[in-house]
Amino acid sequence: MIPLGRKERIAKAATRTASQARETAARERGRSKRSTSSSGVAAHRHCSVCWAPIPLSAEPPVCSDEECESTYEKREASRKRLTIMLYLFPAIAILLALLTAI
C-alpha cells in the first residue's frame, strides 16, 4: 500500500463526509414525509400545562380544564412580572449610578 499524501487524505475525507451528508439528508427527507402523511394524526398542539392534545387554533394554548386555565394565567402573570423586573431593575441601577456621578 502506497502512503497517501496530505492532499489525498484531505480529499478522501472530504468525499467521505459529503457522501455521509447526502445519505443523512436522504434519510431525513424520507422520514419527514412518512411522519406527517402515514401517521394518520391530525395536526394539533398540546396544552402547555397538562400536555393534552388541543386544536391548533386554541388561544391561549390550554385545554378546557379550569385548573389548566388558572395555572396558565398564574404562569403568564409571573412571566410578565419577571420581564418587567429584568428591565426595570437595571434601569434603576444605571439611573442611580448616573445620579451619584453628578
N, C-alpha and C. Protein backbone atom coordinates (compact mmCIF):
# COMPACT_ATOMS: atom_id res chain seq x y z
N MET A 1 0.84 -1.18 0.00
CA MET A 1 0.00 0.00 0.00
C MET A 1 0.89 1.24 0.00
N ILE A 2 0.58 2.16 -0.89
CA ILE A 2 1.36 3.39 -1.02
C ILE A 2 0.80 4.41 -0.04
N PRO A 3 1.64 5.02 0.79
CA PRO A 3 1.14 6.01 1.74
C PRO A 3 0.59 7.23 1.00
N LEU A 4 -0.56 7.71 1.49
CA LEU A 4 -1.21 8.85 0.86
C LEU A 4 -0.58 10.14 1.36
N GLY A 5 -0.51 11.11 0.47
CA GLY A 5 -0.03 12.42 0.87
C GLY A 5 -1.13 13.19 1.59
N ARG A 6 -0.76 14.32 2.10
CA ARG A 6 -1.71 15.14 2.88
C ARG A 6 -2.93 15.54 2.04
N LYS A 7 -2.68 15.96 0.78
CA LYS A 7 -3.78 16.37 -0.10
C LYS A 7 -4.74 15.22 -0.35
N GLU A 8 -4.22 14.06 -0.59
CA GLU A 8 -5.06 12.90 -0.89
C GLU A 8 -5.90 12.50 0.32
N ARG A 9 -5.29 12.55 1.51
CA ARG A 9 -6.04 12.21 2.73
C ARG A 9 -7.18 13.20 2.95
N ILE A 10 -6.92 14.48 2.74
CA ILE A 10 -7.95 15.51 2.91
C ILE A 10 -9.05 15.31 1.88
N ALA A 11 -8.69 15.06 0.63
CA ALA A 11 -9.69 14.85 -0.43
C ALA A 11 -10.54 13.62 -0.13
N LYS A 12 -9.90 12.55 0.34
CA LYS A 12 -10.64 11.32 0.66
C LYS A 12 -11.61 11.57 1.81
N ALA A 13 -11.16 12.29 2.85
CA ALA A 13 -12.03 12.60 3.99
C ALA A 13 -13.19 13.49 3.57
N ALA A 14 -12.93 14.45 2.69
CA ALA A 14 -14.00 15.34 2.21
C ALA A 14 -15.03 14.56 1.42
N THR A 15 -14.58 13.65 0.58
CA THR A 15 -15.50 12.83 -0.21
C THR A 15 -16.36 11.96 0.70
N ARG A 16 -15.73 11.35 1.71
CA ARG A 16 -16.46 10.51 2.65
C ARG A 16 -17.51 11.33 3.41
N THR A 17 -17.13 12.51 3.87
CA THR A 17 -18.05 13.37 4.62
C THR A 17 -19.22 13.80 3.74
N ALA A 18 -18.94 14.15 2.50
CA ALA A 18 -20.00 14.57 1.59
C ALA A 18 -20.99 13.44 1.34
N SER A 19 -20.48 12.22 1.15
CA SER A 19 -21.40 11.10 0.90
C SER A 19 -22.24 10.80 2.14
N GLN A 20 -21.64 10.91 3.32
CA GLN A 20 -22.41 10.71 4.56
C GLN A 20 -23.49 11.77 4.70
N ALA A 21 -23.18 13.01 4.35
CA ALA A 21 -24.16 14.09 4.44
C ALA A 21 -25.32 13.85 3.47
N ARG A 22 -25.00 13.40 2.25
CA ARG A 22 -26.07 13.10 1.28
C ARG A 22 -26.97 11.98 1.78
N GLU A 23 -26.38 10.93 2.35
CA GLU A 23 -27.17 9.82 2.87
C GLU A 23 -28.07 10.28 4.02
N THR A 24 -27.53 11.07 4.91
CA THR A 24 -28.31 11.57 6.04
C THR A 24 -29.46 12.45 5.56
N ALA A 25 -29.19 13.33 4.59
CA ALA A 25 -30.24 14.20 4.06
C ALA A 25 -31.34 13.38 3.40
N ALA A 26 -30.96 12.34 2.68
CA ALA A 26 -31.97 11.49 2.03
C ALA A 26 -32.83 10.79 3.08
N ARG A 27 -32.19 10.31 4.17
CA ARG A 27 -32.96 9.67 5.24
C ARG A 27 -33.92 10.65 5.88
N GLU A 28 -33.47 11.86 6.13
CA GLU A 28 -34.32 12.87 6.78
C GLU A 28 -35.50 13.24 5.89
N ARG A 29 -35.26 13.38 4.59
CA ARG A 29 -36.37 13.70 3.68
C ARG A 29 -37.40 12.59 3.71
N GLY A 30 -36.97 11.35 3.71
CA GLY A 30 -37.88 10.21 3.76
C GLY A 30 -38.64 10.16 5.06
N ARG A 31 -37.97 10.47 6.15
CA ARG A 31 -38.59 10.42 7.47
C ARG A 31 -39.66 11.51 7.63
N SER A 32 -39.39 12.72 7.15
CA SER A 32 -40.36 13.80 7.32
C SER A 32 -41.63 13.53 6.52
N LYS A 33 -41.51 12.90 5.36
CA LYS A 33 -42.70 12.58 4.57
C LYS A 33 -43.54 11.52 5.25
N ARG A 34 -42.87 10.53 5.82
CA ARG A 34 -43.59 9.44 6.48
C ARG A 34 -44.36 9.91 7.70
N SER A 35 -43.74 10.76 8.52
CA SER A 35 -44.33 11.09 9.81
C SER A 35 -45.63 11.86 9.67
N THR A 36 -45.77 12.71 8.65
CA THR A 36 -46.99 13.50 8.55
C THR A 36 -48.08 12.81 7.74
N SER A 37 -47.70 12.09 6.68
CA SER A 37 -48.73 11.53 5.81
C SER A 37 -49.26 10.19 6.28
N SER A 38 -48.42 9.33 6.78
CA SER A 38 -48.88 7.98 7.11
C SER A 38 -49.24 7.80 8.59
N SER A 39 -49.01 8.81 9.40
CA SER A 39 -49.29 8.63 10.83
C SER A 39 -50.79 8.67 11.11
N GLY A 40 -51.53 9.41 10.30
CA GLY A 40 -52.98 9.47 10.48
C GLY A 40 -53.41 10.38 11.61
N VAL A 41 -52.49 11.10 12.24
CA VAL A 41 -52.83 12.00 13.33
C VAL A 41 -53.03 13.41 12.76
N ALA A 42 -54.16 14.00 13.09
CA ALA A 42 -54.45 15.34 12.60
C ALA A 42 -53.50 16.34 13.24
N ALA A 43 -53.25 17.45 12.56
CA ALA A 43 -52.37 18.49 13.09
C ALA A 43 -52.98 19.05 14.37
N HIS A 44 -52.15 19.17 15.39
CA HIS A 44 -52.64 19.67 16.68
C HIS A 44 -51.47 20.23 17.47
N ARG A 45 -51.78 20.85 18.59
CA ARG A 45 -50.77 21.29 19.54
C ARG A 45 -51.14 20.74 20.89
N HIS A 46 -50.36 21.02 21.91
CA HIS A 46 -50.62 20.46 23.23
C HIS A 46 -50.83 21.55 24.26
N CYS A 47 -51.64 21.24 25.25
CA CYS A 47 -51.88 22.15 26.38
C CYS A 47 -50.54 22.41 27.05
N SER A 48 -50.26 23.66 27.35
CA SER A 48 -48.96 23.99 27.93
C SER A 48 -48.85 23.59 29.40
N VAL A 49 -49.95 23.13 30.01
CA VAL A 49 -49.93 22.71 31.41
C VAL A 49 -49.93 21.19 31.52
N CYS A 50 -50.94 20.54 30.94
CA CYS A 50 -51.07 19.08 31.10
C CYS A 50 -50.67 18.30 29.85
N TRP A 51 -50.34 18.97 28.77
CA TRP A 51 -49.89 18.37 27.52
C TRP A 51 -50.94 17.54 26.81
N ALA A 52 -52.21 17.79 27.08
CA ALA A 52 -53.28 17.11 26.36
C ALA A 52 -53.38 17.70 24.95
N PRO A 53 -53.75 16.90 23.95
CA PRO A 53 -53.88 17.44 22.59
C PRO A 53 -55.02 18.45 22.52
N ILE A 54 -54.77 19.58 21.86
CA ILE A 54 -55.79 20.62 21.65
C ILE A 54 -55.70 21.08 20.20
N PRO A 55 -56.74 21.75 19.69
CA PRO A 55 -56.70 22.21 18.29
C PRO A 55 -55.61 23.27 18.08
N LEU A 56 -55.16 23.38 16.84
CA LEU A 56 -54.14 24.39 16.51
C LEU A 56 -54.64 25.80 16.77
N SER A 57 -55.93 26.02 16.65
CA SER A 57 -56.48 27.36 16.80
C SER A 57 -56.70 27.78 18.25
N ALA A 58 -56.45 26.89 19.20
CA ALA A 58 -56.69 27.20 20.62
C ALA A 58 -55.75 28.32 21.08
N GLU A 59 -56.33 29.39 21.57
CA GLU A 59 -55.54 30.51 22.08
C GLU A 59 -56.19 31.01 23.34
N PRO A 60 -55.63 31.00 24.47
CA PRO A 60 -54.28 30.58 24.82
C PRO A 60 -54.11 29.07 24.70
N PRO A 61 -52.87 28.59 24.65
CA PRO A 61 -52.64 27.16 24.40
C PRO A 61 -52.89 26.28 25.61
N VAL A 62 -54.14 26.26 26.08
CA VAL A 62 -54.51 25.40 27.20
C VAL A 62 -55.79 24.66 26.84
N CYS A 63 -56.01 23.52 27.50
CA CYS A 63 -57.23 22.76 27.27
C CYS A 63 -58.39 23.42 28.02
N SER A 64 -59.53 22.80 27.99
CA SER A 64 -60.72 23.41 28.60
C SER A 64 -60.81 23.18 30.11
N ASP A 65 -59.84 22.49 30.68
CA ASP A 65 -59.84 22.23 32.12
C ASP A 65 -59.61 23.53 32.89
N GLU A 66 -60.44 23.77 33.90
CA GLU A 66 -60.36 25.00 34.67
C GLU A 66 -59.03 25.14 35.41
N GLU A 67 -58.52 24.03 35.89
CA GLU A 67 -57.24 24.05 36.62
C GLU A 67 -56.09 24.46 35.68
N CYS A 68 -56.12 23.97 34.45
CA CYS A 68 -55.09 24.33 33.48
C CYS A 68 -55.16 25.82 33.16
N GLU A 69 -56.38 26.33 33.01
CA GLU A 69 -56.54 27.75 32.70
C GLU A 69 -55.99 28.63 33.81
N SER A 70 -56.28 28.27 35.07
CA SER A 70 -55.80 29.09 36.18
C SER A 70 -54.28 28.99 36.31
N THR A 71 -53.72 27.80 36.10
CA THR A 71 -52.27 27.63 36.16
C THR A 71 -51.59 28.43 35.06
N TYR A 72 -52.18 28.42 33.87
CA TYR A 72 -51.62 29.19 32.75
C TYR A 72 -51.65 30.68 33.06
N GLU A 73 -52.76 31.17 33.60
CA GLU A 73 -52.86 32.60 33.94
C GLU A 73 -51.81 32.98 34.98
N LYS A 74 -51.60 32.13 35.99
CA LYS A 74 -50.59 32.42 37.02
C LYS A 74 -49.20 32.47 36.39
N ARG A 75 -48.91 31.52 35.52
CA ARG A 75 -47.60 31.49 34.86
C ARG A 75 -47.38 32.73 34.00
N GLU A 76 -48.41 33.12 33.27
CA GLU A 76 -48.29 34.30 32.41
C GLU A 76 -48.06 35.56 33.24
N ALA A 77 -48.79 35.71 34.35
CA ALA A 77 -48.61 36.87 35.21
C ALA A 77 -47.20 36.89 35.78
N SER A 78 -46.71 35.75 36.19
CA SER A 78 -45.36 35.65 36.74
C SER A 78 -44.32 35.98 35.67
N ARG A 79 -44.53 35.49 34.46
CA ARG A 79 -43.61 35.76 33.36
C ARG A 79 -43.56 37.25 33.04
N LYS A 80 -44.74 37.90 33.02
CA LYS A 80 -44.79 39.34 32.74
C LYS A 80 -44.09 40.14 33.84
N ARG A 81 -44.32 39.75 35.09
CA ARG A 81 -43.65 40.42 36.21
C ARG A 81 -42.14 40.30 36.10
N LEU A 82 -41.67 39.11 35.79
CA LEU A 82 -40.24 38.87 35.66
C LEU A 82 -39.65 39.72 34.53
N THR A 83 -40.36 39.79 33.41
CA THR A 83 -39.88 40.59 32.29
C THR A 83 -39.75 42.06 32.68
N ILE A 84 -40.75 42.57 33.39
CA ILE A 84 -40.70 43.96 33.83
C ILE A 84 -39.53 44.17 34.77
N MET A 85 -39.32 43.25 35.71
CA MET A 85 -38.22 43.39 36.66
C MET A 85 -36.86 43.33 35.97
N LEU A 86 -36.73 42.47 34.96
CA LEU A 86 -35.47 42.34 34.26
C LEU A 86 -35.07 43.63 33.54
N TYR A 87 -36.05 44.45 33.14
CA TYR A 87 -35.75 45.73 32.50
C TYR A 87 -35.72 46.87 33.51
N LEU A 88 -36.58 46.83 34.51
CA LEU A 88 -36.71 47.93 35.45
C LEU A 88 -35.52 48.02 36.41
N PHE A 89 -35.10 46.92 37.00
CA PHE A 89 -34.01 46.98 37.98
C PHE A 89 -32.69 47.45 37.39
N PRO A 90 -32.26 46.97 36.23
CA PRO A 90 -31.03 47.52 35.66
C PRO A 90 -31.17 49.01 35.31
N ALA A 91 -32.35 49.42 34.87
CA ALA A 91 -32.57 50.83 34.55
C ALA A 91 -32.43 51.69 35.80
N ILE A 92 -32.97 51.23 36.91
CA ILE A 92 -32.86 51.96 38.18
C ILE A 92 -31.40 52.01 38.62
N ALA A 93 -30.68 50.90 38.48
CA ALA A 93 -29.27 50.88 38.85
C ALA A 93 -28.45 51.85 38.01
N ILE A 94 -28.71 51.90 36.72
CA ILE A 94 -28.00 52.85 35.86
C ILE A 94 -28.35 54.28 36.22
N LEU A 95 -29.61 54.54 36.50
CA LEU A 95 -30.04 55.88 36.88
C LEU A 95 -29.36 56.31 38.19
N LEU A 96 -29.30 55.42 39.16
CA LEU A 96 -28.64 55.73 40.44
C LEU A 96 -27.14 55.99 40.23
N ALA A 97 -26.52 55.19 39.37
CA ALA A 97 -25.09 55.38 39.08
C ALA A 97 -24.86 56.74 38.43
N LEU A 98 -25.74 57.13 37.52
CA LEU A 98 -25.61 58.44 36.87
C LEU A 98 -25.84 59.57 37.85
N LEU A 99 -26.81 59.42 38.73
CA LEU A 99 -27.10 60.47 39.72
C LEU A 99 -25.97 60.64 40.73
N THR A 100 -25.34 59.55 41.12
CA THR A 100 -24.23 59.66 42.08
C THR A 100 -22.97 60.21 41.44
N ALA A 101 -22.87 60.05 40.10
CA ALA A 101 -21.68 60.57 39.40
C ALA A 101 -21.75 62.08 39.21
N ILE A 102 -22.93 62.66 39.35
CA ILE A 102 -23.09 64.12 39.15
C ILE A 102 -22.57 64.90 40.31
